[in-house]
Amino acid sequence: MREWITEITKVIFKNDTGLFKWSKSEHDMTYIINPRAKEHFSDFEHLGYLRFAGSILGKAIFEKIPLVPAISKGLLRDLLRIHHDPCLEDLKDYDY
């Protein structure tokens, strides 16, 4: 399973898919959800793919499988369901 999750995350985070994009945070480069993901798919198809990606990332975190792509702190908090009020600190992960 470890190898499968590693390979599927490589595919999910490719630039060709359009689901995620690089974002320059304060200290490094991380991935965030691409706000223009819907332009790469028909209708609301991108939502299903994002849900699938979230399931894969959640499984990797649950099984303690190291992820090749670095994801933003905000996305990680969403995956771990850590709820907090948005603050200016959260905007540091987004490079628009």
Protein backbone atom coordinates (compact mmCIF):
# COMPACT_ATOMS: atom_id res chain seq x y z
CA MET A 1 0.00 0.00 0.00
CA ARG A 2 2.87 2.35 0.79
CA GLU A 3 4.22 2.16 -2.76
CA TRP A 4 0.74 2.59 -4.28
CA ILE A 5 0.03 5.72 -2.22
CA THR A 6 3.43 7.16 -3.12
CA GLU A 7 2.82 6.59 -6.83
CA ILE A 8 -0.77 7.90 -6.80
CA THR A 9 0.26 11.09 -4.98
CA LYS A 10 2.88 11.73 -7.66
CA VAL A 11 0.10 11.60 -10.26
CA ILE A 12 -2.34 13.69 -8.22
CA PHE A 13 0.16 16.51 -7.73
CA LYS A 14 1.37 16.72 -11.33
CA ASN A 15 0.85 20.12 -12.92
CA ASP A 16 -1.07 18.42 -15.74
CA THR A 17 -3.96 17.48 -13.47
CA GLY A 18 -4.64 21.06 -12.41
CA LEU A 19 -5.94 20.06 -8.98
CA PHE A 20 -3.11 21.58 -6.96
CA LYS A 21 -0.62 24.36 -7.56
CA TRP A 22 2.69 25.43 -6.07
CA SER A 23 2.57 28.19 -3.53
CA LYS A 24 5.54 29.96 -2.04
CA SER A 25 5.13 30.08 1.70
CA GLU A 26 7.36 31.90 4.14
CA HIS A 27 10.01 29.18 4.32
CA ASP A 28 9.42 26.76 1.44
CA MET A 29 7.29 25.75 -1.52
CA THR A 30 4.08 23.90 -0.73
CA TYR A 31 0.99 22.75 -2.58
CA ILE A 32 -2.42 24.34 -2.20
CA ILE A 33 -5.72 23.53 -3.90
CA ASN A 34 -5.78 25.22 -7.27
CA PRO A 35 -8.63 27.77 -7.24
CA ARG A 36 -8.87 27.34 -11.02
CA ALA A 37 -9.15 23.55 -10.90
CA LYS A 38 -12.68 23.71 -12.31
CA GLU A 39 -11.28 25.12 -15.57
CA HIS A 40 -9.41 21.85 -16.19
CA PHE A 41 -12.51 19.65 -15.89
CA SER A 42 -16.08 19.60 -17.12
CA ASP A 43 -18.96 20.61 -14.83
CA PHE A 44 -18.12 19.75 -11.22
CA GLU A 45 -15.88 16.78 -12.00
CA HIS A 46 -12.95 18.41 -10.17
CA LEU A 47 -14.78 18.10 -6.85
CA GLY A 48 -14.79 14.30 -7.12
CA TYR A 49 -11.08 14.28 -7.89
CA LEU A 50 -10.34 16.60 -4.97
CA ARG A 51 -12.37 14.35 -2.67
CA PHE A 52 -10.38 11.34 -3.92
CA ALA A 53 -7.10 13.22 -3.38
CA GLY A 54 -8.21 14.10 0.15
CA SER A 55 -9.00 10.47 0.87
CA ILE A 56 -5.59 9.37 -0.37
CA LEU A 57 -3.79 12.06 1.63
CA GLY A 58 -5.84 11.23 4.72
CA LYS A 59 -4.99 7.54 4.39
CA ALA A 60 -1.30 8.39 4.03
CA ILE A 61 -1.41 10.50 7.18
CA PHE A 62 -3.34 7.79 9.07
CA GLU A 63 -0.88 5.07 8.01
CA LYS A 64 2.13 7.39 8.70
CA ILE A 65 3.30 7.15 5.09
CA PRO A 66 5.62 10.05 4.24
CA LEU A 67 4.26 12.21 1.45
CA VAL A 68 6.55 13.34 -1.34
CA PRO A 69 4.71 16.61 -2.01
CA ALA A 70 4.72 19.21 0.75
CA ILE A 71 1.20 20.48 1.43
CA SER A 72 0.33 23.81 3.01
CA LYS A 73 -0.42 24.12 6.70
CA GLY A 74 -4.00 25.16 5.97
CA LEU A 75 -4.61 22.12 3.78
CA LEU A 76 -3.04 19.86 6.40
CA ARG A 77 -5.29 21.34 9.09
CA ASP A 78 -8.30 20.70 6.86
CA LEU A 79 -7.25 17.08 6.34
CA LEU A 80 -6.74 16.58 10.06
CA ARG A 81 -10.03 18.41 10.75
CA ILE A 82 -8.37 20.90 13.06
CA HIS A 83 -10.81 23.79 13.08
CA HIS A 84 -9.78 27.28 13.94
CA ASP A 85 -10.77 30.76 12.91
CA PRO A 86 -8.90 32.00 9.83
CA CYS A 87 -6.15 34.48 10.56
CA LEU A 88 -3.48 36.44 8.70
CA GLU A 89 -0.97 33.68 9.46
CA ASP A 90 -2.95 31.38 7.13
CA LEU A 91 -2.43 33.74 4.19
CA LYS A 92 1.34 33.24 4.27
CA ASP A 93 0.90 29.92 2.45
CA TYR A 94 -0.88 31.51 -0.50
CA ASP A 95 1.00 33.22 -3.29
CA TYR A 96 -1.42 34.88 -5.69
